[in-house]
Amino acid sequence: MQSQPLGIAILRIVVGIVFTAHGAQKLFVIGLGGVTHMFQGIGIPSPHIAAIVVTLVEFAGGIALILGLLTRYAAVLLAIDMAVAVVKVHLHNGFFSSKGGYEFPLTLLAASIALALAGPGSPALSRLSKTARR
């Protein structure tokens, strides 16, 4: 096995764990009502719909990354999620995460773009299903 596909897979799995945890926090701890309220406070349009979409993109998208299923699609949606987070939530706080800045969401944005471009790496369930069809 070449090291590049394995490196991409490690990135995919770790980023997937981070997004799954954040989606689970929104879904099970903060709740959709709390996320809606937060989105209202920062001026996100249609905050209830946005709360549902963001929560599901992070939770289901994170799981998709962990498994290596629909990686490119999930990564594009997660990149959009993080681009909005950088601009609407973190940019005005400066760079560093310790002050609520955009350091961490920018890193997740870059990782998501990299995964959208590179694909899932190996191992990934999407690669296993393609191999089984041959």
C-alpha atoms as a PDB file:
ATOM      1  CA  MET A   1       0.000   0.000   0.000  1.00  0.00           C
ATOM      2  CA  GLN A   2       1.310   3.430  -0.906  1.00  0.00           C
ATOM      3  CA  SER A   3       1.599   5.960   1.886  1.00  0.00           C
ATOM      4  CA  GLN A   4      -0.321   8.800   0.190  1.00  0.00           C
ATOM      5  CA  PRO A   5      -3.747   7.038   0.160  1.00  0.00           C
ATOM      6  CA  LEU A   6      -3.181   6.010   3.773  1.00  0.00           C
ATOM      7  CA  GLY A   7      -2.286   9.595   4.735  1.00  0.00           C
ATOM      8  CA  ILE A   8      -5.467  10.887   3.099  1.00  0.00           C
ATOM      9  CA  ALA A   9      -7.480   8.204   4.909  1.00  0.00           C
ATOM     10  CA  ILE A  10      -6.001   9.251   8.260  1.00  0.00           C
ATOM     11  CA  LEU A  11      -6.915  12.887   7.544  1.00  0.00           C
ATOM     12  CA  ARG A  12     -10.420  11.827   6.470  1.00  0.00           C
ATOM     13  CA  ILE A  13     -11.044   9.760   9.595  1.00  0.00           C
ATOM     14  CA  VAL A  14      -9.748  12.372  12.049  1.00  0.00           C
ATOM     15  CA  VAL A  15     -11.661  15.207  10.371  1.00  0.00           C
ATOM     16  CA  GLY A  16     -14.725  12.939  10.313  1.00  0.00           C
ATOM     17  CA  ILE A  17     -14.441  12.338  14.055  1.00  0.00           C
ATOM     18  CA  VAL A  18     -14.217  16.086  14.705  1.00  0.00           C
ATOM     19  CA  PHE A  19     -17.268  16.873  12.567  1.00  0.00           C
ATOM     20  CA  THR A  20     -19.276  13.970  13.998  1.00  0.00           C
ATOM     21  CA  ALA A  21     -18.538  15.186  17.530  1.00  0.00           C
ATOM     22  CA  HIS A  22     -19.572  18.753  16.694  1.00  0.00           C
ATOM     23  CA  GLY A  23     -22.727  17.552  14.951  1.00  0.00           C
ATOM     24  CA  ALA A  24     -23.562  15.276  17.887  1.00  0.00           C
ATOM     25  CA  GLN A  25     -23.030  18.188  20.285  1.00  0.00           C
ATOM     26  CA  LYS A  26     -25.475  20.302  18.272  1.00  0.00           C
ATOM     27  CA  LEU A  27     -27.976  17.457  17.995  1.00  0.00           C
ATOM     28  CA  PHE A  28     -27.850  15.912  21.476  1.00  0.00           C
ATOM     29  CA  VAL A  29     -26.425  18.571  23.833  1.00  0.00           C
ATOM     30  CA  ILE A  30     -27.276  22.039  22.522  1.00  0.00           C
ATOM     31  CA  GLY A  31     -30.372  20.839  20.675  1.00  0.00           C
ATOM     32  CA  LEU A  32     -31.870  22.228  17.493  1.00  0.00           C
ATOM     33  CA  GLY A  33     -33.637  24.943  19.488  1.00  0.00           C
ATOM     34  CA  GLY A  34     -30.343  26.110  20.955  1.00  0.00           C
ATOM     35  CA  VAL A  35     -28.617  26.054  17.577  1.00  0.00           C
ATOM     36  CA  THR A  36     -31.545  27.966  16.064  1.00  0.00           C
ATOM     37  CA  HIS A  37     -31.272  30.574  18.816  1.00  0.00           C
ATOM     38  CA  MET A  38     -27.511  30.882  18.242  1.00  0.00           C
ATOM     39  CA  PHE A  39     -28.048  31.299  14.488  1.00  0.00           C
ATOM     40  CA  GLN A  40     -30.717  33.959  15.093  1.00  0.00           C
ATOM     41  CA  GLY A  41     -28.236  35.884  17.227  1.00  0.00           C
ATOM     42  CA  ILE A  42     -25.612  36.008  14.481  1.00  0.00           C
ATOM     43  CA  GLY A  43     -28.031  36.841  11.690  1.00  0.00           C
ATOM     44  CA  ILE A  44     -28.165  33.545   9.801  1.00  0.00           C
ATOM     45  CA  PRO A  45     -31.180  33.585   7.443  1.00  0.00           C
ATOM     46  CA  SER A  46     -33.897  30.981   8.127  1.00  0.00           C
ATOM     47  CA  PRO A  47     -32.170  30.010  11.370  1.00  0.00           C
ATOM     48  CA  HIS A  48     -34.306  26.939  12.128  1.00  0.00           C
ATOM     49  CA  ILE A  49     -33.743  25.421   8.678  1.00  0.00           C
ATOM     50  CA  ALA A  50     -30.059  26.376   8.817  1.00  0.00           C
ATOM     51  CA  ALA A  51     -29.755  24.725  12.250  1.00  0.00           C
ATOM     52  CA  ILE A  52     -31.186  21.471  10.912  1.00  0.00           C
ATOM     53  CA  VAL A  53     -29.000  21.546   7.792  1.00  0.00           C
ATOM     54  CA  VAL A  54     -25.766  22.414   9.615  1.00  0.00           C
ATOM     55  CA  THR A  55     -26.374  19.859  12.349  1.00  0.00           C
ATOM     56  CA  LEU A  56     -27.080  17.076   9.850  1.00  0.00           C
ATOM     57  CA  VAL A  57     -24.204  18.069   7.555  1.00  0.00           C
ATOM     58  CA  GLU A  58     -21.765  17.941  10.465  1.00  0.00           C
ATOM     59  CA  PHE A  59     -23.142  14.760  12.032  1.00  0.00           C
ATOM     60  CA  ALA A  60     -23.928  12.701   8.910  1.00  0.00           C
ATOM     61  CA  GLY A  61     -21.067  14.242   6.922  1.00  0.00           C
ATOM     62  CA  GLY A  62     -18.653  13.355   9.694  1.00  0.00           C
ATOM     63  CA  ILE A  63     -19.882   9.764   9.748  1.00  0.00           C
ATOM     64  CA  ALA A  64     -19.577   9.605   5.951  1.00  0.00           C
ATOM     65  CA  LEU A  65     -15.963  10.766   6.214  1.00  0.00           C
ATOM     66  CA  ILE A  66     -15.142   8.230   8.920  1.00  0.00           C
ATOM     67  CA  LEU A  67     -16.542   5.425   6.777  1.00  0.00           C
ATOM     68  CA  GLY A  68     -15.179   6.741   3.498  1.00  0.00           C
ATOM     69  CA  LEU A  69     -18.596   6.914   1.825  1.00  0.00           C
ATOM     70  CA  LEU A  70     -19.528   9.792  -0.481  1.00  0.00           C
ATOM     71  CA  THR A  71     -16.363  11.489   0.741  1.00  0.00           C
ATOM     72  CA  ARG A  72     -16.147  14.183  -1.908  1.00  0.00           C
ATOM     73  CA  TYR A  73     -19.812  15.208  -1.507  1.00  0.00           C
ATOM     74  CA  ALA A  74     -19.623  15.266   2.277  1.00  0.00           C
ATOM     75  CA  ALA A  75     -16.362  17.214   2.164  1.00  0.00           C
ATOM     76  CA  VAL A  76     -17.851  19.879  -0.145  1.00  0.00           C
ATOM     77  CA  LEU A  77     -20.832  20.358   2.181  1.00  0.00           C
ATOM     78  CA  LEU A  78     -18.537  20.511   5.210  1.00  0.00           C
ATOM     79  CA  ALA A  79     -16.284  23.032   3.449  1.00  0.00           C
ATOM     80  CA  ILE A  80     -19.298  25.272   2.806  1.00  0.00           C
ATOM     81  CA  ASP A  81     -20.309  24.861   6.455  1.00  0.00           C
ATOM     82  CA  MET A  82     -16.843  25.944   7.613  1.00  0.00           C
ATOM     83  CA  ALA A  83     -16.614  28.843   5.133  1.00  0.00           C
ATOM     84  CA  VAL A  84     -19.833  30.256   6.588  1.00  0.00           C
ATOM     85  CA  ALA A  85     -18.576  29.627  10.135  1.00  0.00           C
ATOM     86  CA  VAL A  86     -15.335  31.499   9.405  1.00  0.00           C
ATOM     87  CA  VAL A  87     -17.113  34.504   7.899  1.00  0.00           C
ATOM     88  CA  LYS A  88     -20.247  34.742  10.070  1.00  0.00           C
ATOM     89  CA  VAL A  89     -18.972  33.544  13.454  1.00  0.00           C
ATOM     90  CA  HIS A  90     -15.198  33.691  13.852  1.00  0.00           C
ATOM     91  CA  LEU A  91     -13.619  36.245  11.503  1.00  0.00           C
ATOM     92  CA  HIS A  92     -14.338  39.276  13.692  1.00  0.00           C
ATOM     93  CA  ASN A  93     -12.568  37.584  16.622  1.00  0.00           C
ATOM     94  CA  GLY A  94      -9.183  37.472  14.881  1.00  0.00           C
ATOM     95  CA  PHE A  95      -7.057  34.437  14.109  1.00  0.00           C
ATOM     96  CA  PHE A  96      -6.519  32.520  17.353  1.00  0.00           C
ATOM     97  CA  SER A  97      -9.039  29.965  18.634  1.00  0.00           C
ATOM     98  CA  SER A  98      -8.343  30.955  22.229  1.00  0.00           C
ATOM     99  CA  LYS A  99     -10.172  34.220  21.473  1.00  0.00           C
ATOM    100  CA  GLY A 100     -12.936  32.618  19.389  1.00  0.00           C
ATOM    101  CA  GLY A 101     -11.041  33.273  16.171  1.00  0.00           C
ATOM    102  CA  TYR A 102     -11.062  31.494  12.841  1.00  0.00           C
ATOM    103  CA  GLU A 103      -7.929  29.336  13.315  1.00  0.00           C
ATOM    104  CA  PHE A 104      -9.762  26.024  13.883  1.00  0.00           C
ATOM    105  CA  PRO A 105     -12.646  26.399  11.398  1.00  0.00           C
ATOM    106  CA  LEU A 106     -10.141  27.580   8.767  1.00  0.00           C
ATOM    107  CA  THR A 107      -8.129  24.393   9.355  1.00  0.00           C
ATOM    108  CA  LEU A 108     -11.284  22.278   8.986  1.00  0.00           C
ATOM    109  CA  LEU A 109     -12.174  24.240   5.832  1.00  0.00           C
ATOM    110  CA  ALA A 110      -8.758  23.503   4.318  1.00  0.00           C
ATOM    111  CA  ALA A 111      -8.955  19.828   5.307  1.00  0.00           C
ATOM    112  CA  SER A 112     -12.442  19.539   3.800  1.00  0.00           C
ATOM    113  CA  ILE A 113     -11.297  21.130   0.535  1.00  0.00           C
ATOM    114  CA  ALA A 114      -8.314  18.751   0.447  1.00  0.00           C
ATOM    115  CA  LEU A 115     -10.617  15.754   0.914  1.00  0.00           C
ATOM    116  CA  ALA A 116     -13.040  17.027  -1.730  1.00  0.00           C
ATOM    117  CA  LEU A 117     -10.135  17.229  -4.177  1.00  0.00           C
ATOM    118  CA  ALA A 118      -8.261  14.066  -3.155  1.00  0.00           C
ATOM    119  CA  GLY A 119     -11.112  11.675  -2.403  1.00  0.00           C
ATOM    120  CA  PRO A 120     -11.244   9.199   0.452  1.00  0.00           C
ATOM    121  CA  GLY A 121      -7.803   7.629   0.307  1.00  0.00           C
ATOM    122  CA  SER A 122      -7.562   4.014   1.306  1.00  0.00           C
ATOM    123  CA  PRO A 123      -9.032   2.178   3.156  1.00  0.00           C
ATOM    124  CA  ALA A 124     -12.563   3.454   2.495  1.00  0.00           C
ATOM    125  CA  LEU A 125     -15.899   1.686   2.166  1.00  0.00           C
ATOM    126  CA  SER A 126     -16.496   3.332  -1.209  1.00  0.00           C
ATOM    127  CA  ARG A 127     -13.284   1.711  -2.492  1.00  0.00           C
ATOM    128  CA  LEU A 128     -14.314  -1.689  -1.108  1.00  0.00           C
ATOM    129  CA  SER A 129     -17.681  -1.572  -2.866  1.00  0.00           C
ATOM    130  CA  LYS A 130     -15.961  -0.696  -6.187  1.00  0.00           C
ATOM    131  CA  THR A 131     -13.541  -3.601  -5.728  1.00  0.00           C
ATOM    132  CA  ALA A 132     -16.412  -6.008  -4.986  1.00  0.00           C
ATOM    133  CA  ARG A 133     -18.182  -5.007  -8.232  1.00  0.00           C
ATOM    134  CA  ARG A 134     -15.172  -5.919 -10.412  1.00  0.00           C
END
